[in-house]
């Protein structure tokens, strides 16, 4: 057994409480962006899914421009291709920064009130999705430590809507009663005391009407150059 000199032992005793003390809780702001529009592609990787369509790329550029100048402490992205494409485009507005992949932000279908959805999903898949999204909520939706933080998460419509219901403290099976557009922005603040403040859900003010997709009632859109109007040629 090693005996410490009295002065060293006293120093360790005095410093130990300061070392063990945890940083004070602080607020955390979470900005969640839904990926841009994509088209089904049978040739796409079965696990990662297809790339963004041209409309989705344009939407991602506008979402990045909307958030340019925001001082995010961390950038996170789902592993699916459409989310990673969206993050890659948005990263142009955050030079020198990179998005880190979080598997628990991947798209899935949690339990819902909609019987038609529940009937075509496997119970084990629904349960696995709920567990996944609850892990994501536990990881991100908590106060910061020591100083306020702001984090950007690029993910999916189901993920965002489920997390909003958790933040609101309502029945999580009501998530499908919301509809958020592609490249829309949802902002939620976690106060230092753990309270949640939903600041905005599905904000798409940065997108022109011709680029609104993904919400209930939105038409299918393509990005193409329309023909010039009659009389445009010089006489």
C-alpha atoms as a PDB file:
ATOM      1  CA  UNK A   1       0.000   0.000   0.000  1.00  0.00           C
ATOM      2  CA  UNK A   2       1.449   3.378  -1.017  1.00  0.00           C
ATOM      3  CA  UNK A   3       1.277   6.137   1.613  1.00  0.00           C
ATOM      4  CA  UNK A   4       0.878   9.677   0.252  1.00  0.00           C
ATOM      5  CA  UNK A   5       2.568  12.623   1.870  1.00  0.00           C
ATOM      6  CA  UNK A   6       0.111  14.720   3.933  1.00  0.00           C
ATOM      7  CA  UNK A   7       0.367  17.711   1.584  1.00  0.00           C
ATOM      8  CA  UNK A   8      -0.407  15.636  -1.535  1.00  0.00           C
ATOM      9  CA  UNK A   9      -3.313  13.880   0.148  1.00  0.00           C
ATOM     10  CA  UNK A  10      -4.812  17.228   1.156  1.00  0.00           C
ATOM     11  CA  UNK A  11      -4.420  18.566  -2.389  1.00  0.00           C
ATOM     12  CA  UNK A  12      -6.221  15.557  -3.859  1.00  0.00           C
ATOM     13  CA  UNK A  13      -9.015  15.893  -1.314  1.00  0.00           C
ATOM     14  CA  UNK A  14      -9.535  19.571  -2.143  1.00  0.00           C
ATOM     15  CA  UNK A  15      -9.462  19.068  -5.935  1.00  0.00           C
ATOM     16  CA  UNK A  16     -11.602  15.923  -6.097  1.00  0.00           C
ATOM     17  CA  UNK A  17     -15.014  17.650  -5.797  1.00  0.00           C
ATOM     18  CA  UNK A  18     -14.146  20.083  -8.618  1.00  0.00           C
ATOM     19  CA  UNK A  19     -13.030  17.247 -10.882  1.00  0.00           C
ATOM     20  CA  UNK A  20     -16.137  15.179 -10.212  1.00  0.00           C
ATOM     21  CA  UNK A  21     -18.596  18.048 -10.585  1.00  0.00           C
ATOM     22  CA  UNK A  22     -20.696  17.979 -13.766  1.00  0.00           C
ATOM     23  CA  UNK A  23     -21.091  21.019 -16.007  1.00  0.00           C
ATOM     24  CA  UNK A  24     -24.242  23.033 -15.496  1.00  0.00           C
ATOM     25  CA  UNK A  25     -27.089  22.231 -17.917  1.00  0.00           C
ATOM     26  CA  UNK A  26     -27.734  24.659 -20.771  1.00  0.00           C
ATOM     27  CA  UNK A  27     -30.242  25.037 -23.586  1.00  0.00           C
ATOM     28  CA  UNK A  28     -29.934  23.023 -26.802  1.00  0.00           C
ATOM     29  CA  UNK A  29     -31.552  24.074 -30.102  1.00  0.00           C
ATOM     30  CA  UNK A  30     -32.235  21.367 -32.661  1.00  0.00           C
ATOM     31  CA  UNK A  31     -32.875  22.242 -36.303  1.00  0.00           C
ATOM     32  CA  UNK A  32     -34.265  19.316 -38.291  1.00  0.00           C
ATOM     33  CA  UNK A  33     -34.341  19.474 -42.092  1.00  0.00           C
ATOM     34  CA  UNK A  34     -36.236  16.954 -44.179  1.00  0.00           C
ATOM     35  CA  UNK A  35     -34.335  15.711 -47.244  1.00  0.00           C
ATOM     36  CA  UNK A  36     -35.146  17.029 -50.708  1.00  0.00           C
ATOM     37  CA  UNK A  37     -37.423  15.413 -53.265  1.00  0.00           C
ATOM     38  CA  UNK A  38     -36.363  12.147 -54.873  1.00  0.00           C
ATOM     39  CA  UNK A  39     -37.777   9.794 -57.476  1.00  0.00           C
ATOM     40  CA  UNK A  40     -38.061   6.007 -57.044  1.00  0.00           C
ATOM     41  CA  UNK A  41     -35.166   4.221 -58.747  1.00  0.00           C
ATOM     42  CA  UNK A  42     -35.235   0.415 -59.079  1.00  0.00           C
ATOM     43  CA  UNK A  43     -31.484   0.453 -59.702  1.00  0.00           C
ATOM     44  CA  UNK A  44     -30.723   2.237 -56.431  1.00  0.00           C
ATOM     45  CA  UNK A  45     -28.993   0.507 -53.542  1.00  0.00           C
ATOM     46  CA  UNK A  46     -31.672  -1.439 -51.652  1.00  0.00           C
ATOM     47  CA  UNK A  47     -30.419  -0.235 -48.281  1.00  0.00           C
ATOM     48  CA  UNK A  48     -29.497   3.369 -49.050  1.00  0.00           C
ATOM     49  CA  UNK A  49     -32.226   4.254 -51.546  1.00  0.00           C
ATOM     50  CA  UNK A  50     -32.080   6.652 -54.514  1.00  0.00           C
ATOM     51  CA  UNK A  51     -30.317   9.973 -54.996  1.00  0.00           C
ATOM     52  CA  UNK A  52     -32.095  13.319 -55.011  1.00  0.00           C
ATOM     53  CA  UNK A  53     -33.968  14.384 -58.120  1.00  0.00           C
ATOM     54  CA  UNK A  54     -33.048  17.783 -59.636  1.00  0.00           C
ATOM     55  CA  UNK A  55     -35.967  19.374 -57.758  1.00  0.00           C
ATOM     56  CA  UNK A  56     -34.559  17.990 -54.522  1.00  0.00           C
ATOM     57  CA  UNK A  57     -31.114  19.407 -55.248  1.00  0.00           C
ATOM     58  CA  UNK A  58     -32.639  22.858 -55.808  1.00  0.00           C
ATOM     59  CA  UNK A  59     -34.587  22.540 -52.553  1.00  0.00           C
ATOM     60  CA  UNK A  60     -31.439  21.556 -50.661  1.00  0.00           C
ATOM     61  CA  UNK A  61     -29.579  24.598 -52.021  1.00  0.00           C
ATOM     62  CA  UNK A  62     -32.362  26.861 -50.751  1.00  0.00           C
ATOM     63  CA  UNK A  63     -32.439  25.201 -47.342  1.00  0.00           C
ATOM     64  CA  UNK A  64     -28.686  25.682 -47.046  1.00  0.00           C
ATOM     65  CA  UNK A  65     -28.992  29.337 -48.050  1.00  0.00           C
ATOM     66  CA  UNK A  66     -31.746  29.810 -45.461  1.00  0.00           C
ATOM     67  CA  UNK A  67     -29.502  28.469 -42.684  1.00  0.00           C
ATOM     68  CA  UNK A  68     -26.260  30.040 -43.900  1.00  0.00           C
ATOM     69  CA  UNK A  69     -24.568  31.924 -41.093  1.00  0.00           C
ATOM     70  CA  UNK A  70     -26.092  29.757 -38.368  1.00  0.00           C
ATOM     71  CA  UNK A  71     -23.467  28.798 -35.827  1.00  0.00           C
ATOM     72  CA  UNK A  72     -24.126  25.073 -35.476  1.00  0.00           C
ATOM     73  CA  UNK A  73     -22.026  23.161 -32.981  1.00  0.00           C
ATOM     74  CA  UNK A  74     -22.692  19.846 -34.718  1.00  0.00           C
ATOM     75  CA  UNK A  75     -24.038  18.613 -38.065  1.00  0.00           C
ATOM     76  CA  UNK A  76     -25.769  15.224 -38.258  1.00  0.00           C
ATOM     77  CA  UNK A  77     -27.297  13.240 -41.119  1.00  0.00           C
ATOM     78  CA  UNK A  78     -29.237  10.038 -41.715  1.00  0.00           C
ATOM     79  CA  UNK A  79     -27.351   7.231 -43.500  1.00  0.00           C
ATOM     80  CA  UNK A  80     -29.860   7.108 -46.387  1.00  0.00           C
ATOM     81  CA  UNK A  81     -28.725   8.488 -49.745  1.00  0.00           C
ATOM     82  CA  UNK A  82     -31.404  11.161 -50.153  1.00  0.00           C
ATOM     83  CA  UNK A  83     -30.495  12.650 -46.764  1.00  0.00           C
ATOM     84  CA  UNK A  84     -26.770  12.445 -47.449  1.00  0.00           C
ATOM     85  CA  UNK A  85     -27.253  14.165 -50.820  1.00  0.00           C
ATOM     86  CA  UNK A  86     -29.238  16.918 -49.102  1.00  0.00           C
ATOM     87  CA  UNK A  87     -26.522  17.362 -46.478  1.00  0.00           C
ATOM     88  CA  UNK A  88     -23.806  17.432 -49.156  1.00  0.00           C
ATOM     89  CA  UNK A  89     -25.563  20.275 -50.967  1.00  0.00           C
ATOM     90  CA  UNK A  90     -26.255  22.174 -47.734  1.00  0.00           C
ATOM     91  CA  UNK A  91     -22.622  21.742 -46.668  1.00  0.00           C
ATOM     92  CA  UNK A  92     -21.639  24.176 -49.430  1.00  0.00           C
ATOM     93  CA  UNK A  93     -23.043  26.875 -47.128  1.00  0.00           C
ATOM     94  CA  UNK A  94     -20.944  25.624 -44.212  1.00  0.00           C
ATOM     95  CA  UNK A  95     -17.402  25.537 -45.655  1.00  0.00           C
ATOM     96  CA  UNK A  96     -14.932  23.474 -43.708  1.00  0.00           C
ATOM     97  CA  UNK A  97     -17.661  21.572 -41.868  1.00  0.00           C
ATOM     98  CA  UNK A  98     -18.780  17.959 -42.243  1.00  0.00           C
ATOM     99  CA  UNK A  99     -21.912  16.018 -41.381  1.00  0.00           C
ATOM    100  CA  UNK A 100     -21.569  12.929 -39.200  1.00  0.00           C
ATOM    101  CA  UNK A 101     -23.830   9.961 -39.967  1.00  0.00           C
ATOM    102  CA  UNK A 102     -26.237   8.760 -37.266  1.00  0.00           C
ATOM    103  CA  UNK A 103     -27.904   5.437 -38.047  1.00  0.00           C
ATOM    104  CA  UNK A 104     -30.824   6.139 -35.689  1.00  0.00           C
ATOM    105  CA  UNK A 105     -31.910   9.051 -37.932  1.00  0.00           C
ATOM    106  CA  UNK A 106     -32.738   6.657 -40.799  1.00  0.00           C
ATOM    107  CA  UNK A 107     -36.285   6.629 -42.135  1.00  0.00           C
ATOM    108  CA  UNK A 108     -38.683   4.042 -40.739  1.00  0.00           C
ATOM    109  CA  UNK A 109     -42.369   3.725 -39.871  1.00  0.00           C
ATOM    110  CA  UNK A 110     -43.328   3.856 -36.186  1.00  0.00           C
ATOM    111  CA  UNK A 111     -46.776   2.803 -34.881  1.00  0.00           C
ATOM    112  CA  UNK A 112     -49.613   5.078 -36.006  1.00  0.00           C
ATOM    113  CA  UNK A 113     -53.364   5.506 -35.526  1.00  0.00           C
ATOM    114  CA  UNK A 114     -53.872   4.753 -39.221  1.00  0.00           C
ATOM    115  CA  UNK A 115     -55.177   1.189 -39.468  1.00  0.00           C
ATOM    116  CA  UNK A 116     -54.340   0.912 -43.177  1.00  0.00           C
ATOM    117  CA  UNK A 117     -50.678   1.672 -42.403  1.00  0.00           C
ATOM    118  CA  UNK A 118     -50.572  -0.709 -39.445  1.00  0.00           C
ATOM    119  CA  UNK A 119     -52.067  -3.554 -41.478  1.00  0.00           C
ATOM    120  CA  UNK A 120     -49.313  -3.504 -44.074  1.00  0.00           C
ATOM    121  CA  UNK A 121     -46.400  -3.152 -41.643  1.00  0.00           C
ATOM    122  CA  UNK A 122     -44.877  -6.005 -39.660  1.00  0.00           C
ATOM    123  CA  UNK A 123     -45.317  -5.610 -35.871  1.00  0.00           C
ATOM    124  CA  UNK A 124     -41.624  -6.278 -35.295  1.00  0.00           C
ATOM    125  CA  UNK A 125     -40.670  -3.543 -37.796  1.00  0.00           C
ATOM    126  CA  UNK A 126     -42.980  -1.035 -36.106  1.00  0.00           C
ATOM    127  CA  UNK A 127     -41.512  -1.871 -32.702  1.00  0.00           C
ATOM    128  CA  UNK A 128     -37.949  -1.643 -34.005  1.00  0.00           C
ATOM    129  CA  UNK A 129     -38.655   1.764 -35.537  1.00  0.00           C
ATOM    130  CA  UNK A 130     -40.149   3.095 -32.312  1.00  0.00           C
ATOM    131  CA  UNK A 131     -37.138   1.861 -30.349  1.00  0.00           C
ATOM    132  CA  UNK A 132     -34.786   3.465 -32.878  1.00  0.00           C
ATOM    133  CA  UNK A 133     -36.495   6.849 -32.775  1.00  0.00           C
ATOM    134  CA  UNK A 134     -36.735   6.761 -28.989  1.00  0.00           C
ATOM    135  CA  UNK A 135     -32.961   6.253 -28.907  1.00  0.00           C
ATOM    136  CA  UNK A 136     -32.518   9.273 -31.179  1.00  0.00           C
ATOM    137  CA  UNK A 137     -34.784  11.316 -28.926  1.00  0.00           C
ATOM    138  CA  UNK A 138     -32.833  10.292 -25.813  1.00  0.00           C
ATOM    139  CA  UNK A 139     -29.553  11.182 -27.517  1.00  0.00           C
ATOM    140  CA  UNK A 140     -30.416  14.600 -28.895  1.00  0.00           C
ATOM    141  CA  UNK A 141     -33.416  15.924 -26.995  1.00  0.00           C
ATOM    142  CA  UNK A 142     -31.747  16.753 -23.726  1.00  0.00           C
ATOM    143  CA  UNK A 143     -30.081  19.847 -22.264  1.00  0.00           C
ATOM    144  CA  UNK A 144     -26.532  20.668 -23.289  1.00  0.00           C
ATOM    145  CA  UNK A 145     -23.725  20.720 -20.766  1.00  0.00           C
ATOM    146  CA  UNK A 146     -21.799  23.831 -19.804  1.00  0.00           C
ATOM    147  CA  UNK A 147     -22.884  26.104 -22.679  1.00  0.00           C
ATOM    148  CA  UNK A 148     -25.763  26.426 -25.105  1.00  0.00           C
ATOM    149  CA  UNK A 149     -25.582  24.300 -28.247  1.00  0.00           C
ATOM    150  CA  UNK A 150     -27.211  24.407 -31.656  1.00  0.00           C
ATOM    151  CA  UNK A 151     -27.311  21.303 -33.840  1.00  0.00           C
ATOM    152  CA  UNK A 152     -28.486  20.579 -37.380  1.00  0.00           C
ATOM    153  CA  UNK A 153     -30.033  17.200 -38.241  1.00  0.00           C
ATOM    154  CA  UNK A 154     -30.825  16.271 -41.856  1.00  0.00           C
ATOM    155  CA  UNK A 155     -33.233  13.349 -41.847  1.00  0.00           C
ATOM    156  CA  UNK A 156     -36.754  12.264 -42.850  1.00  0.00           C
ATOM    157  CA  UNK A 157     -40.433  13.094 -42.599  1.00  0.00           C
ATOM    158  CA  UNK A 158     -41.449  10.183 -40.365  1.00  0.00           C
ATOM    159  CA  UNK A 159     -38.477  10.766 -38.089  1.00  0.00           C
ATOM    160  CA  UNK A 160     -39.188  14.480 -37.697  1.00  0.00           C
ATOM    161  CA  UNK A 161     -42.902  14.032 -37.070  1.00  0.00           C
ATOM    162  CA  UNK A 162     -42.365  11.334 -34.461  1.00  0.00           C
ATOM    163  CA  UNK A 163     -39.762  13.438 -32.644  1.00  0.00           C
ATOM    164  CA  UNK A 164     -42.144  16.414 -32.643  1.00  0.00           C
ATOM    165  CA  UNK A 165     -44.823  14.325 -30.897  1.00  0.00           C
ATOM    166  CA  UNK A 166     -42.258  13.288 -28.281  1.00  0.00           C
ATOM    167  CA  UNK A 167     -41.282  16.910 -27.697  1.00  0.00           C
ATOM    168  CA  UNK A 168     -44.939  17.940 -27.383  1.00  0.00           C
ATOM    169  CA  UNK A 169     -45.644  15.111 -24.965  1.00  0.00           C
ATOM    170  CA  UNK A 170     -48.625  13.886 -26.974  1.00  0.00           C
ATOM    171  CA  UNK A 171     -49.575  10.426 -28.231  1.00  0.00           C
ATOM    172  CA  UNK A 172     -46.701   9.386 -30.497  1.00  0.00           C
ATOM    173  CA  UNK A 173     -49.141   7.446 -32.687  1.00  0.00           C
ATOM    174  CA  UNK A 174     -50.496  10.823 -33.862  1.00  0.00           C
ATOM    175  CA  UNK A 175     -47.337  11.612 -35.864  1.00  0.00           C
ATOM    176  CA  UNK A 176     -49.051  10.912 -39.183  1.00  0.00           C
ATOM    177  CA  UNK A 177     -51.558  13.726 -38.521  1.00  0.00           C
ATOM    178  CA  UNK A 178     -48.739  16.119 -39.499  1.00  0.00           C
ATOM    179  CA  UNK A 179     -47.296  16.594 -42.964  1.00  0.00           C
ATOM    180  CA  UNK A 180     -43.916  18.254 -43.583  1.00  0.00           C
ATOM    181  CA  UNK A 181     -42.523  19.248 -46.949  1.00  0.00           C
ATOM    182  CA  UNK A 182     -39.230  18.297 -48.523  1.00  0.00           C
ATOM    183  CA  UNK A 183     -36.370  20.538 -47.363  1.00  0.00           C
ATOM    184  CA  UNK A 184     -38.610  22.082 -44.713  1.00  0.00           C
ATOM    185  CA  UNK A 185     -37.176  23.209 -41.378  1.00  0.00           C
ATOM    186  CA  UNK A 186     -38.389  22.177 -37.928  1.00  0.00           C
ATOM    187  CA  UNK A 187     -36.923  23.892 -34.862  1.00  0.00           C
ATOM    188  CA  UNK A 188     -37.178  22.632 -31.294  1.00  0.00           C
ATOM    189  CA  UNK A 189     -35.453  24.066 -28.232  1.00  0.00           C
ATOM    190  CA  UNK A 190     -34.623  22.055 -25.145  1.00  0.00           C
ATOM    191  CA  UNK A 191     -34.384  24.368 -22.166  1.00  0.00           C
ATOM    192  CA  UNK A 192     -31.717  23.936 -19.497  1.00  0.00           C
ATOM    193  CA  UNK A 193     -34.355  22.499 -17.153  1.00  0.00           C
ATOM    194  CA  UNK A 194     -35.412  19.881 -19.736  1.00  0.00           C
ATOM    195  CA  UNK A 195     -38.596  21.587 -20.954  1.00  0.00           C
ATOM    196  CA  UNK A 196     -39.284  21.470 -24.704  1.00  0.00           C
ATOM    197  CA  UNK A 197     -40.318  24.411 -26.865  1.00  0.00           C
ATOM    198  CA  UNK A 198     -41.471  23.621 -30.400  1.00  0.00           C
ATOM    199  CA  UNK A 199     -40.601  26.801 -32.280  1.00  0.00           C
ATOM    200  CA  UNK A 200     -41.595  25.768 -35.799  1.00  0.00           C
ATOM    201  CA  UNK A 201     -42.665  22.637 -37.688  1.00  0.00           C
ATOM    202  CA  UNK A 202     -42.225  22.152 -41.438  1.00  0.00           C
ATOM    203  CA  UNK A 203     -41.247  25.756 -42.213  1.00  0.00           C
ATOM    204  CA  UNK A 204     -40.894  26.028 -46.000  1.00  0.00           C
ATOM    205  CA  UNK A 205     -40.823  29.811 -46.384  1.00  0.00           C
ATOM    206  CA  UNK A 206     -37.482  29.594 -48.186  1.00  0.00           C
ATOM    207  CA  UNK A 207     -39.033  27.575 -51.027  1.00  0.00           C
ATOM    208  CA  UNK A 208     -41.021  29.167 -53.876  1.00  0.00           C
ATOM    209  CA  UNK A 209     -44.480  27.703 -54.598  1.00  0.00           C
ATOM    210  CA  UNK A 210     -43.135  25.878 -57.659  1.00  0.00           C
ATOM    211  CA  UNK A 211     -40.724  23.880 -55.482  1.00  0.00           C
ATOM    212  CA  UNK A 212     -43.129  22.768 -52.765  1.00  0.00           C
ATOM    213  CA  UNK A 213     -43.258  18.971 -52.585  1.00  0.00           C
ATOM    214  CA  UNK A 214     -43.768  16.169 -50.128  1.00  0.00           C
ATOM    215  CA  UNK A 215     -46.729  17.413 -48.084  1.00  0.00           C
ATOM    216  CA  UNK A 216     -50.316  16.273 -48.409  1.00  0.00           C
ATOM    217  CA  UNK A 217     -51.874  17.953 -51.457  1.00  0.00           C
ATOM    218  CA  UNK A 218     -48.594  18.951 -53.131  1.00  0.00           C
ATOM    219  CA  UNK A 219     -48.481  18.003 -56.827  1.00  0.00           C
ATOM    220  CA  UNK A 220     -45.690  16.072 -58.470  1.00  0.00           C
ATOM    221  CA  UNK A 221     -43.095  18.475 -59.829  1.00  0.00           C
ATOM    222  CA  UNK A 222     -40.222  18.260 -62.240  1.00  0.00           C
ATOM    223  CA  UNK A 223     -37.416  20.708 -62.830  1.00  0.00           C
ATOM    224  CA  UNK A 224     -37.353  21.592 -66.514  1.00  0.00           C
ATOM    225  CA  UNK A 225     -37.099  24.702 -68.656  1.00  0.00           C
ATOM    226  CA  UNK A 226     -40.546  25.710 -69.957  1.00  0.00           C
ATOM    227  CA  UNK A 227     -40.965  26.859 -73.578  1.00  0.00           C
ATOM    228  CA  UNK A 228     -40.559  30.554 -74.210  1.00  0.00           C
ATOM    229  CA  UNK A 229     -43.851  32.474 -74.523  1.00  0.00           C
ATOM    230  CA  UNK A 230     -45.160  33.497 -77.936  1.00  0.00           C
ATOM    231  CA  UNK A 231     -43.811  36.828 -79.112  1.00  0.00           C
ATOM    232  CA  UNK A 232     -40.468  36.408 -77.349  1.00  0.00           C
ATOM    233  CA  UNK A 233     -38.523  36.456 -80.632  1.00  0.00           C
ATOM    234  CA  UNK A 234     -37.284  39.765 -81.955  1.00  0.00           C
ATOM    235  CA  UNK A 235     -39.187  40.971 -84.997  1.00  0.00           C
END
